[in-house]
Amino acid sequence: MVDTMSELFFSGGLEVEDLVDWVEERWQEETRSRSKMESIGKLTLSIPVYLPLMTLSTEFELFEQLRPLQRKSYDNENRFLSPKPVIMLKPHSELLGKITSCNISVFLLDERGTPLCPQEQQYMSGPCGEETTITTPHLRTSSMSIRVSHRLAEIRASLCFIVDYETEDQTKSRCVITSNCFNFVRNRRRTKGAK
């Protein structure tokens, strides 16, 4: 099809506007196709049901654990989990200087370490739609601004970070990091009669 379009264009049988329209249509189709594939890929990865079967990381770590009491974010608020999580490569890791790419997905777990259902996962919003990357010069992520909606049921929760990385020899690996458990502070908004 591309050869046919280029032949028509160079033979004078196709206007520049027609070629531009054709390229735009192909680009839109490709964009829709990619976003479909990404969403399908995300659905298959999105909520790991069997976390115990996934390897706990020995190479990566959470820089600082979360505070045991957290604030939920109400509509039109930006209350983030604190301190903002940072995932880093351990200082003496065997992977130092060997990682070529690294992507991290974030999920909510209950206190038993079971992933929350897809509907409950939607109450969490994070960097780039719950994904972030490790920057190679610093071997750590930037601080992740993760917030949890007030609509999530009152539960004790923790965060799960799934780290997908590739090394120089093109080996792809996956490991898991979990945070400590935390509770949400109850709504303490004053009632109208309070002074």
N, C-alpha and C. Protein backbone atom coordinates (compact mmCIF):
# COMPACT_ATOMS: atom_id res chain seq x y z
N MET A 1 0.83 -1.21 0.00
CA MET A 1 0.00 0.00 0.00
C MET A 1 0.87 1.25 0.00
N VAL A 2 1.96 1.24 0.80
CA VAL A 2 2.84 2.40 0.85
C VAL A 2 3.48 2.64 -0.51
N ASP A 3 3.94 1.53 -1.16
CA ASP A 3 4.56 1.68 -2.48
C ASP A 3 3.57 2.25 -3.47
N THR A 4 2.32 1.80 -3.43
CA THR A 4 1.29 2.30 -4.34
C THR A 4 1.07 3.79 -4.13
N MET A 5 0.99 4.23 -2.86
CA MET A 5 0.79 5.65 -2.57
C MET A 5 1.98 6.48 -3.04
N SER A 6 3.21 5.99 -2.79
CA SER A 6 4.37 6.77 -3.22
C SER A 6 4.47 6.82 -4.74
N GLU A 7 4.12 5.70 -5.43
CA GLU A 7 4.14 5.70 -6.90
C GLU A 7 3.13 6.71 -7.43
N LEU A 8 1.91 6.72 -6.85
CA LEU A 8 0.89 7.67 -7.29
C LEU A 8 1.36 9.11 -7.08
N PHE A 9 2.00 9.36 -5.92
CA PHE A 9 2.44 10.72 -5.61
C PHE A 9 3.52 11.18 -6.59
N PHE A 10 4.53 10.32 -6.79
CA PHE A 10 5.65 10.73 -7.64
C PHE A 10 5.30 10.73 -9.13
N SER A 11 4.28 9.99 -9.51
CA SER A 11 3.86 10.01 -10.91
C SER A 11 2.93 11.19 -11.20
N GLY A 12 2.57 11.93 -10.14
CA GLY A 12 1.72 13.10 -10.33
C GLY A 12 0.25 12.79 -10.22
N GLY A 13 -0.12 11.54 -9.90
CA GLY A 13 -1.52 11.16 -9.80
C GLY A 13 -2.12 11.40 -8.42
N LEU A 14 -1.36 12.00 -7.51
CA LEU A 14 -1.85 12.21 -6.15
C LEU A 14 -1.36 13.58 -5.67
N GLU A 15 -2.25 14.34 -5.09
CA GLU A 15 -1.91 15.66 -4.58
C GLU A 15 -1.23 15.54 -3.22
N VAL A 16 -0.48 16.56 -2.85
CA VAL A 16 0.21 16.58 -1.56
C VAL A 16 -0.79 16.48 -0.42
N GLU A 17 -1.93 17.16 -0.54
CA GLU A 17 -2.95 17.13 0.51
C GLU A 17 -3.47 15.72 0.72
N ASP A 18 -3.65 14.98 -0.41
CA ASP A 18 -4.12 13.60 -0.31
C ASP A 18 -3.10 12.73 0.43
N LEU A 19 -1.83 12.95 0.13
CA LEU A 19 -0.78 12.18 0.80
C LEU A 19 -0.75 12.50 2.29
N VAL A 20 -0.88 13.78 2.62
CA VAL A 20 -0.89 14.20 4.03
C VAL A 20 -2.08 13.56 4.75
N ASP A 21 -3.26 13.58 4.11
CA ASP A 21 -4.44 12.95 4.71
C ASP A 21 -4.22 11.46 4.93
N TRP A 22 -3.62 10.81 3.93
CA TRP A 22 -3.37 9.37 4.04
C TRP A 22 -2.41 9.06 5.19
N VAL A 23 -1.33 9.85 5.30
CA VAL A 23 -0.36 9.66 6.39
C VAL A 23 -1.04 9.88 7.73
N GLU A 24 -1.88 10.91 7.84
CA GLU A 24 -2.59 11.20 9.09
C GLU A 24 -3.51 10.04 9.47
N GLU A 25 -4.23 9.48 8.47
CA GLU A 25 -5.10 8.33 8.75
C GLU A 25 -4.31 7.14 9.26
N ARG A 26 -3.17 6.84 8.59
CA ARG A 26 -2.32 5.72 9.03
C ARG A 26 -1.80 5.96 10.45
N TRP A 27 -1.42 7.20 10.74
CA TRP A 27 -0.90 7.54 12.07
C TRP A 27 -1.98 7.33 13.13
N GLN A 28 -3.21 7.77 12.85
CA GLN A 28 -4.31 7.60 13.80
C GLN A 28 -4.58 6.11 14.03
N GLU A 29 -4.56 5.31 12.95
CA GLU A 29 -4.76 3.86 13.09
C GLU A 29 -3.67 3.25 13.96
N GLU A 30 -2.43 3.64 13.70
CA GLU A 30 -1.29 3.11 14.47
C GLU A 30 -1.41 3.51 15.94
N THR A 31 -1.79 4.74 16.20
CA THR A 31 -1.94 5.22 17.58
C THR A 31 -3.03 4.44 18.30
N ARG A 32 -4.17 4.25 17.63
CA ARG A 32 -5.26 3.46 18.25
C ARG A 32 -4.82 2.03 18.50
N SER A 33 -4.10 1.45 17.54
CA SER A 33 -3.64 0.07 17.67
C SER A 33 -2.66 -0.05 18.84
N ARG A 34 -1.73 0.90 18.95
CA ARG A 34 -0.76 0.86 20.05
C ARG A 34 -1.43 1.03 21.40
N SER A 35 -2.37 1.97 21.50
CA SER A 35 -3.02 2.19 22.79
C SER A 35 -3.84 0.96 23.18
N LYS A 36 -4.44 0.27 22.18
CA LYS A 36 -5.16 -0.97 22.48
C LYS A 36 -4.21 -2.01 23.01
N MET A 37 -3.06 -2.17 22.34
CA MET A 37 -2.08 -3.18 22.76
C MET A 37 -1.54 -2.85 24.14
N GLU A 38 -1.27 -1.57 24.41
CA GLU A 38 -0.77 -1.18 25.72
C GLU A 38 -1.79 -1.47 26.80
N SER A 39 -3.07 -1.19 26.51
CA SER A 39 -4.09 -1.44 27.53
C SER A 39 -4.27 -2.93 27.74
N ILE A 40 -4.16 -3.73 26.66
CA ILE A 40 -4.24 -5.18 26.82
C ILE A 40 -3.06 -5.67 27.64
N GLY A 41 -1.85 -5.15 27.32
CA GLY A 41 -0.66 -5.53 28.09
C GLY A 41 -0.80 -5.14 29.54
N LYS A 42 -1.36 -3.97 29.79
CA LYS A 42 -1.53 -3.50 31.16
C LYS A 42 -2.55 -4.35 31.91
N LEU A 43 -3.60 -4.78 31.20
CA LEU A 43 -4.60 -5.63 31.84
C LEU A 43 -4.00 -6.97 32.25
N THR A 44 -3.12 -7.53 31.38
CA THR A 44 -2.55 -8.82 31.73
C THR A 44 -1.55 -8.68 32.86
N LEU A 45 -0.87 -7.54 32.94
CA LEU A 45 0.09 -7.34 34.01
C LEU A 45 -0.58 -6.77 35.24
N SER A 46 -1.63 -5.98 35.02
CA SER A 46 -2.11 -5.05 36.02
C SER A 46 -2.19 -5.57 37.43
N ILE A 47 -2.94 -6.62 37.69
CA ILE A 47 -3.07 -7.02 39.08
C ILE A 47 -2.57 -8.45 39.25
N PRO A 48 -1.38 -8.59 39.77
CA PRO A 48 -0.85 -9.94 39.98
C PRO A 48 -1.60 -10.62 41.11
N VAL A 49 -2.19 -11.75 40.83
CA VAL A 49 -3.00 -12.44 41.82
C VAL A 49 -2.11 -13.21 42.79
N TYR A 50 -1.00 -13.72 42.31
CA TYR A 50 -0.15 -14.58 43.13
C TYR A 50 1.18 -13.91 43.44
N LEU A 51 1.15 -12.90 44.26
CA LEU A 51 2.40 -12.21 44.61
C LEU A 51 3.43 -13.13 45.27
N PRO A 52 3.02 -14.09 46.12
CA PRO A 52 4.04 -14.94 46.73
C PRO A 52 4.87 -15.71 45.71
N LEU A 53 4.31 -15.92 44.48
CA LEU A 53 5.07 -16.63 43.46
C LEU A 53 6.07 -15.72 42.76
N MET A 54 5.96 -14.43 42.98
CA MET A 54 6.90 -13.50 42.37
C MET A 54 8.06 -13.27 43.32
N THR A 55 9.24 -13.11 42.78
CA THR A 55 10.45 -13.00 43.58
C THR A 55 10.52 -11.67 44.30
N LEU A 56 10.71 -11.71 45.62
CA LEU A 56 10.95 -10.48 46.36
C LEU A 56 12.33 -9.97 45.99
N SER A 57 12.45 -8.69 45.80
CA SER A 57 13.70 -8.12 45.30
C SER A 57 14.84 -8.21 46.32
N THR A 58 15.99 -8.60 45.80
CA THR A 58 17.21 -8.54 46.61
C THR A 58 18.13 -7.44 46.08
N GLU A 59 17.76 -6.86 44.92
CA GLU A 59 18.60 -5.85 44.28
C GLU A 59 18.05 -4.44 44.41
N PHE A 60 16.73 -4.31 44.54
CA PHE A 60 16.08 -3.01 44.65
C PHE A 60 15.47 -2.86 46.03
N GLU A 61 15.26 -1.63 46.44
CA GLU A 61 14.63 -1.40 47.74
C GLU A 61 13.85 -0.09 47.75
N LEU A 62 12.93 -0.01 48.69
CA LEU A 62 12.21 1.23 48.95
C LEU A 62 13.11 2.09 49.81
N PHE A 63 13.43 3.29 49.33
CA PHE A 63 14.37 4.15 50.02
C PHE A 63 13.95 4.45 51.45
N GLU A 64 12.66 4.69 51.65
CA GLU A 64 12.15 5.03 52.98
C GLU A 64 10.74 4.47 53.12
N GLN A 65 10.46 3.83 54.25
CA GLN A 65 9.13 3.27 54.47
C GLN A 65 8.10 4.38 54.66
N LEU A 66 6.85 4.04 54.41
CA LEU A 66 5.77 5.01 54.53
C LEU A 66 5.39 5.23 55.99
N ARG A 67 4.83 6.40 56.26
CA ARG A 67 4.33 6.66 57.61
C ARG A 67 3.17 5.72 57.90
N PRO A 68 3.02 5.27 59.15
CA PRO A 68 1.95 4.32 59.46
C PRO A 68 0.55 4.92 59.36
N LEU A 69 0.41 6.26 59.44
CA LEU A 69 -0.87 6.92 59.26
C LEU A 69 -0.79 7.82 58.04
N GLN A 70 -1.75 7.64 57.13
CA GLN A 70 -1.77 8.40 55.89
C GLN A 70 -3.11 9.12 55.75
N ARG A 71 -3.13 10.17 54.93
CA ARG A 71 -4.36 10.92 54.64
C ARG A 71 -4.86 10.53 53.25
N LYS A 72 -6.17 10.29 53.15
CA LYS A 72 -6.76 10.08 51.83
C LYS A 72 -6.94 11.44 51.16
N SER A 73 -7.08 11.41 49.86
CA SER A 73 -7.23 12.64 49.10
C SER A 73 -8.70 12.83 48.72
N TYR A 74 -9.27 13.95 49.13
CA TYR A 74 -10.66 14.27 48.77
C TYR A 74 -10.69 14.93 47.40
N ASP A 75 -11.87 15.03 46.82
CA ASP A 75 -12.01 15.64 45.50
C ASP A 75 -11.37 17.03 45.51
N ASN A 76 -10.65 17.33 44.44
CA ASN A 76 -9.96 18.62 44.27
C ASN A 76 -8.84 18.83 45.28
N GLU A 77 -8.34 17.74 45.87
CA GLU A 77 -7.18 17.83 46.77
C GLU A 77 -6.05 17.00 46.18
N ASN A 78 -4.84 17.33 46.59
CA ASN A 78 -3.68 16.53 46.21
C ASN A 78 -2.93 16.14 47.47
N ARG A 79 -3.50 15.24 48.23
CA ARG A 79 -2.83 14.71 49.42
C ARG A 79 -2.13 13.42 49.01
N PHE A 80 -0.81 13.44 49.04
CA PHE A 80 -0.04 12.30 48.58
C PHE A 80 0.41 11.45 49.77
N LEU A 81 0.63 10.15 49.51
CA LEU A 81 1.18 9.29 50.54
C LEU A 81 2.55 9.85 50.93
N SER A 82 2.87 9.71 52.21
CA SER A 82 4.08 10.34 52.72
C SER A 82 4.93 9.35 53.51
N PRO A 83 6.25 9.44 53.39
CA PRO A 83 6.98 10.23 52.39
C PRO A 83 6.76 9.65 51.00
N LYS A 84 6.93 10.49 50.00
CA LYS A 84 6.72 10.04 48.62
C LYS A 84 7.70 8.89 48.33
N PRO A 85 7.18 7.74 47.87
CA PRO A 85 8.06 6.59 47.66
C PRO A 85 9.12 6.81 46.60
N VAL A 86 10.30 6.26 46.86
CA VAL A 86 11.42 6.24 45.92
C VAL A 86 11.95 4.81 45.89
N ILE A 87 12.05 4.23 44.71
CA ILE A 87 12.64 2.90 44.56
C ILE A 87 14.06 3.10 44.04
N MET A 88 15.00 2.39 44.66
CA MET A 88 16.39 2.56 44.25
C MET A 88 17.09 1.21 44.16
N LEU A 89 18.15 1.19 43.38
CA LEU A 89 19.01 0.02 43.31
C LEU A 89 19.89 0.03 44.55
N LYS A 90 20.04 -1.11 45.21
CA LYS A 90 20.86 -1.16 46.42
C LYS A 90 22.31 -0.79 46.08
N PRO A 91 23.01 -0.11 47.01
CA PRO A 91 24.36 0.38 46.73
C PRO A 91 25.36 -0.71 46.30
N HIS A 92 25.20 -1.92 46.80
CA HIS A 92 26.16 -2.99 46.48
C HIS A 92 25.55 -4.05 45.58
N SER A 93 24.52 -3.66 44.79
CA SER A 93 23.83 -4.59 43.91
C SER A 93 24.75 -5.10 42.80
N GLU A 94 24.55 -6.37 42.45
CA GLU A 94 25.29 -6.95 41.33
C GLU A 94 24.84 -6.37 39.99
N LEU A 95 23.72 -5.66 40.00
CA LEU A 95 23.18 -5.09 38.76
C LEU A 95 23.77 -3.71 38.44
N LEU A 96 24.58 -3.17 39.32
CA LEU A 96 25.17 -1.84 39.08
C LEU A 96 25.90 -1.82 37.74
N GLY A 97 25.54 -0.87 36.91
CA GLY A 97 26.17 -0.71 35.60
C GLY A 97 25.69 -1.69 34.55
N LYS A 98 24.74 -2.56 34.89
CA LYS A 98 24.28 -3.58 33.94
C LYS A 98 22.86 -3.36 33.45
N ILE A 99 22.09 -2.51 34.11
CA ILE A 99 20.69 -2.31 33.74
C ILE A 99 20.58 -1.35 32.56
N THR A 100 19.82 -1.76 31.55
CA THR A 100 19.60 -0.88 30.39
C THR A 100 18.22 -0.23 30.42
N SER A 101 17.25 -0.89 31.04
CA SER A 101 15.93 -0.28 31.19
C SER A 101 15.25 -0.84 32.43
N CYS A 102 14.36 -0.03 33.00
CA CYS A 102 13.68 -0.45 34.22
C CYS A 102 12.36 0.29 34.32
N ASN A 103 11.27 -0.45 34.50
CA ASN A 103 9.94 0.12 34.62
C ASN A 103 9.30 -0.40 35.90
N ILE A 104 8.61 0.49 36.62
CA ILE A 104 8.03 0.10 37.89
C ILE A 104 6.54 0.41 37.90
N SER A 105 5.73 -0.60 38.23
CA SER A 105 4.28 -0.45 38.34
C SER A 105 3.91 -0.49 39.82
N VAL A 106 2.89 0.27 40.18
CA VAL A 106 2.49 0.39 41.59
C VAL A 106 1.06 -0.11 41.77
N PHE A 107 0.83 -0.90 42.83
CA PHE A 107 -0.49 -1.44 43.13
C PHE A 107 -0.76 -1.34 44.62
N LEU A 108 -2.05 -1.39 44.95
CA LEU A 108 -2.47 -1.40 46.35
C LEU A 108 -2.69 -2.84 46.81
N LEU A 109 -2.22 -3.14 48.02
CA LEU A 109 -2.43 -4.45 48.64
C LEU A 109 -3.21 -4.26 49.93
N ASP A 110 -3.87 -5.32 50.38
CA ASP A 110 -4.45 -5.26 51.72
C ASP A 110 -3.38 -5.71 52.72
N GLU A 111 -3.72 -5.77 54.00
CA GLU A 111 -2.71 -6.07 55.01
C GLU A 111 -2.17 -7.49 54.94
N ARG A 112 -2.89 -8.39 54.23
CA ARG A 112 -2.41 -9.77 54.05
C ARG A 112 -1.49 -9.88 52.84
N GLY A 113 -1.33 -8.78 52.09
CA GLY A 113 -0.49 -8.80 50.90
C GLY A 113 -1.23 -9.23 49.65
N THR A 114 -2.56 -9.22 49.70
CA THR A 114 -3.38 -9.58 48.55
C THR A 114 -3.73 -8.31 47.76
N PRO A 115 -3.53 -8.32 46.44
CA PRO A 115 -3.88 -7.14 45.65
C PRO A 115 -5.36 -6.82 45.76
N LEU A 116 -5.69 -5.54 45.87
CA LEU A 116 -7.09 -5.12 45.88
C LEU A 116 -7.68 -5.37 44.49
N CYS A 117 -9.00 -5.44 44.41
CA CYS A 117 -9.67 -5.71 43.14
C CYS A 117 -9.47 -4.52 42.18
N PRO A 118 -9.71 -4.73 40.87
CA PRO A 118 -9.49 -3.65 39.90
C PRO A 118 -10.24 -2.37 40.22
N GLN A 119 -11.48 -2.47 40.73
CA GLN A 119 -12.24 -1.27 41.05
C GLN A 119 -11.56 -0.48 42.17
N GLU A 120 -11.05 -1.19 43.18
CA GLU A 120 -10.37 -0.52 44.29
C GLU A 120 -9.02 0.05 43.86
N GLN A 121 -8.35 -0.62 42.92
CA GLN A 121 -7.07 -0.10 42.41
C GLN A 121 -7.26 1.27 41.78
N GLN A 122 -8.44 1.51 41.21
CA GLN A 122 -8.69 2.78 40.55
C GLN A 122 -8.74 3.95 41.52
N TYR A 123 -8.86 3.67 42.82
CA TYR A 123 -8.87 4.75 43.81
C TYR A 123 -7.46 5.28 44.09
N MET A 124 -6.46 4.64 43.53
CA MET A 124 -5.09 5.12 43.67
C MET A 124 -4.66 5.75 42.36
N SER A 125 -4.03 6.89 42.43
CA SER A 125 -3.45 7.48 41.22
C SER A 125 -2.00 7.79 41.51
N GLY A 126 -1.19 7.58 40.50
CA GLY A 126 0.24 7.75 40.70
C GLY A 126 0.92 8.34 39.49
N PRO A 127 2.25 8.23 39.48
CA PRO A 127 3.01 8.84 38.39
C PRO A 127 2.77 8.12 37.08
N CYS A 128 2.48 8.87 36.04
CA CYS A 128 2.27 8.31 34.71
C CYS A 128 1.29 7.15 34.75
N GLY A 129 0.21 7.28 35.49
CA GLY A 129 -0.77 6.21 35.55
C GLY A 129 -0.25 4.98 36.26
N GLU A 130 0.32 5.17 37.42
CA GLU A 130 0.82 4.09 38.27
C GLU A 130 2.10 3.44 37.75
N GLU A 131 2.81 4.07 36.85
CA GLU A 131 4.08 3.53 36.39
C GLU A 131 5.15 4.61 36.45
N THR A 132 6.38 4.17 36.68
CA THR A 132 7.50 5.10 36.67
C THR A 132 8.74 4.35 36.20
N THR A 133 9.82 5.06 35.99
CA THR A 133 11.05 4.41 35.55
C THR A 133 12.20 4.81 36.47
N ILE A 134 13.24 3.99 36.44
CA ILE A 134 14.46 4.33 37.19
C ILE A 134 15.37 5.07 36.23
N THR A 135 15.89 6.20 36.66
CA THR A 135 16.81 6.94 35.81
C THR A 135 18.22 6.37 36.03
N THR A 136 18.87 6.03 34.93
CA THR A 136 20.14 5.32 35.04
C THR A 136 21.26 6.10 35.73
N PRO A 137 21.39 7.42 35.55
CA PRO A 137 22.53 8.05 36.25
C PRO A 137 22.42 7.94 37.77
N HIS A 138 21.20 8.05 38.31
CA HIS A 138 21.04 8.06 39.76
C HIS A 138 20.62 6.71 40.32
N LEU A 139 20.23 5.78 39.43
CA LEU A 139 19.80 4.44 39.83
C LEU A 139 18.68 4.46 40.86
N ARG A 140 17.77 5.41 40.66
CA ARG A 140 16.60 5.50 41.54
C ARG A 140 15.49 6.21 40.79
N THR A 141 14.26 6.04 41.28
CA THR A 141 13.15 6.77 40.68
C THR A 141 13.10 8.17 41.27
N SER A 142 12.36 9.03 40.64
CA SER A 142 12.06 10.30 41.29
C SER A 142 11.01 10.01 42.36
N SER A 143 10.74 10.95 43.23
CA SER A 143 9.72 10.76 44.27
C SER A 143 8.37 10.58 43.61
N MET A 144 7.66 9.53 43.99
CA MET A 144 6.38 9.22 43.36
C MET A 144 5.23 9.89 44.11
N SER A 145 4.48 10.69 43.42
CA SER A 145 3.32 11.36 44.02
C SER A 145 2.12 10.44 43.89
N ILE A 146 1.89 9.64 44.91
CA ILE A 146 0.80 8.66 44.89
C ILE A 146 -0.29 9.13 45.86
N ARG A 147 -1.52 9.17 45.38
CA ARG A 147 -2.62 9.54 46.27
C ARG A 147 -3.72 8.50 46.20
N VAL A 148 -4.44 8.40 47.30
CA VAL A 148 -5.52 7.42 47.40
C VAL A 148 -6.80 8.19 47.68
N SER A 149 -7.82 7.91 46.90
CA SER A 149 -9.10 8.62 47.02
C SER A 149 -9.80 8.28 48.33
N HIS A 150 -10.56 9.26 48.83
CA HIS A 150 -11.35 9.06 50.04
C HIS A 150 -12.45 8.01 49.82
N ARG A 151 -12.68 7.64 48.57
CA ARG A 151 -13.72 6.66 48.27
C ARG A 151 -13.30 5.23 48.59
N LEU A 152 -12.02 5.00 48.78
CA LEU A 152 -11.56 3.65 49.14
C LEU A 152 -12.05 3.31 50.54
N ALA A 153 -12.52 2.07 50.71
CA ALA A 153 -13.03 1.62 52.01
C ALA A 153 -11.94 1.76 53.07
N GLU A 154 -12.35 1.86 54.33
CA GLU A 154 -11.39 1.97 55.43
C GLU A 154 -10.69 0.63 55.61
N ILE A 155 -9.50 0.54 55.07
CA ILE A 155 -8.72 -0.70 55.20
C ILE A 155 -7.30 -0.37 55.59
N ARG A 156 -6.60 -1.36 56.07
CA ARG A 156 -5.16 -1.25 56.28
C ARG A 156 -4.52 -1.68 54.97
N ALA A 157 -3.62 -0.90 54.44
CA ALA A 157 -3.11 -1.17 53.09
C ALA A 157 -1.59 -1.10 53.05
N SER A 158 -1.04 -1.51 51.92
CA SER A 158 0.39 -1.33 51.64
C SER A 158 0.53 -1.16 50.13
N LEU A 159 1.72 -0.79 49.70
CA LEU A 159 1.98 -0.62 48.27
C LEU A 159 2.84 -1.78 47.78
N CYS A 160 2.58 -2.17 46.55
CA CYS A 160 3.40 -3.19 45.89
C CYS A 160 4.02 -2.54 44.66
N PHE A 161 5.32 -2.67 44.53
CA PHE A 161 6.04 -2.14 43.37
C PHE A 161 6.56 -3.34 42.58
N ILE A 162 6.10 -3.46 41.34
CA ILE A 162 6.59 -4.54 40.47
C ILE A 162 7.66 -3.93 39.56
N VAL A 163 8.87 -4.44 39.67
CA VAL A 163 10.01 -3.91 38.94
C VAL A 163 10.32 -4.83 37.77
N ASP A 164 10.16 -4.31 36.56
CA ASP A 164 10.54 -5.04 35.34
C ASP A 164 11.79 -4.38 34.79
N TYR A 165 12.86 -5.17 34.66
CA TYR A 165 14.10 -4.56 34.18
C TYR A 165 14.80 -5.47 33.18
N GLU A 166 15.67 -4.85 32.41
CA GLU A 166 16.46 -5.57 31.41
C GLU A 166 17.92 -5.20 31.60
N THR A 167 18.79 -6.20 31.43
CA THR A 167 20.23 -5.97 31.60
C THR A 167 20.92 -5.96 30.23
N GLU A 168 22.21 -5.63 30.26
CA GLU A 168 22.98 -5.50 29.01
C GLU A 168 22.94 -6.75 28.14
N ASP A 169 22.86 -7.92 28.77
CA ASP A 169 22.82 -9.17 27.99
C ASP A 169 21.40 -9.49 27.51
N GLN A 170 20.50 -8.50 27.61
CA GLN A 170 19.11 -8.58 27.14
C GLN A 170 18.26 -9.57 27.95
N THR A 171 18.70 -9.86 29.18
CA THR A 171 17.90 -10.69 30.08
C THR A 171 16.83 -9.80 30.72
N LYS A 172 15.57 -10.27 30.64
CA LYS A 172 14.47 -9.53 31.26
C LYS A 172 14.09 -10.22 32.56
N SER A 173 13.92 -9.44 33.61
CA SER A 173 13.59 -10.01 34.91
C SER A 173 12.52 -9.17 35.58
N ARG A 174 11.87 -9.77 36.57
CA ARG A 174 10.83 -9.08 37.33
C ARG A 174 10.98 -9.45 38.80
N CYS A 175 10.80 -8.44 39.65
CA CYS A 175 10.81 -8.68 41.09
C CYS A 175 9.81 -7.75 41.76
N VAL A 176 9.57 -7.97 43.03
CA VAL A 176 8.54 -7.25 43.77
C VAL A 176 9.15 -6.61 45.01
N ILE A 177 8.69 -5.39 45.30
CA ILE A 177 9.03 -4.71 46.55
C ILE A 177 7.71 -4.32 47.20
N THR A 178 7.57 -4.56 48.49
CA THR A 178 6.36 -4.13 49.18
C THR A 178 6.71 -3.15 50.28
N SER A 179 5.79 -2.24 50.52
CA SER A 179 5.99 -1.26 51.59
C SER A 179 5.44 -1.83 52.89
N ASN A 180 5.66 -1.10 53.97
CA ASN A 180 5.02 -1.43 55.23
C ASN A 180 3.52 -1.16 55.12
N CYS A 181 2.74 -1.70 56.05
CA CYS A 181 1.30 -1.44 56.06
C CYS A 181 1.03 -0.08 56.70
N PHE A 182 -0.03 0.55 56.26
CA PHE A 182 -0.41 1.84 56.82
C PHE A 182 -1.91 1.92 56.94
N ASN A 183 -2.38 2.74 57.87
CA ASN A 183 -3.80 3.01 58.06
C ASN A 183 -4.10 4.40 57.55
N PHE A 184 -5.37 4.64 57.24
CA PHE A 184 -5.78 5.97 56.84
C PHE A 184 -6.40 6.69 58.03
N VAL A 185 -6.03 7.94 58.21
CA VAL A 185 -6.62 8.76 59.27
C VAL A 185 -8.09 8.95 58.94
N ARG A 186 -8.93 8.82 59.95
CA ARG A 186 -10.36 9.00 59.73
C ARG A 186 -10.66 10.46 59.43
N ASN A 187 -11.78 10.69 58.76
CA ASN A 187 -12.20 12.05 58.43
C ASN A 187 -12.46 12.83 59.71
N ARG A 188 -11.71 13.91 59.91
CA ARG A 188 -11.87 14.70 61.12
C ARG A 188 -12.46 16.08 60.84
N ARG A 189 -13.21 16.19 59.77
CA ARG A 189 -13.81 17.48 59.46
C ARG A 189 -14.80 17.87 60.57
N ARG A 190 -14.80 19.13 60.92
CA ARG A 190 -15.67 19.61 62.00
C ARG A 190 -17.12 19.58 61.59
N THR A 191 -17.97 19.28 62.55
CA THR A 191 -19.41 19.36 62.28
C THR A 191 -19.82 20.83 62.46
N LYS A 192 -20.99 21.18 61.97
CA LYS A 192 -21.44 22.57 62.02
C LYS A 192 -21.57 23.08 63.46
N GLY A 193 -21.91 22.21 64.40
CA GLY A 193 -22.11 22.65 65.77
C GLY A 193 -20.82 22.77 66.57
N ALA A 194 -19.68 22.24 66.02
CA ALA A 194 -18.42 22.28 66.77
C ALA A 194 -17.86 23.68 66.80
N LYS A 195 -17.22 24.02 67.93
CA LYS A 195 -16.64 25.36 68.05
C LYS A 195 -15.13 25.28 67.99
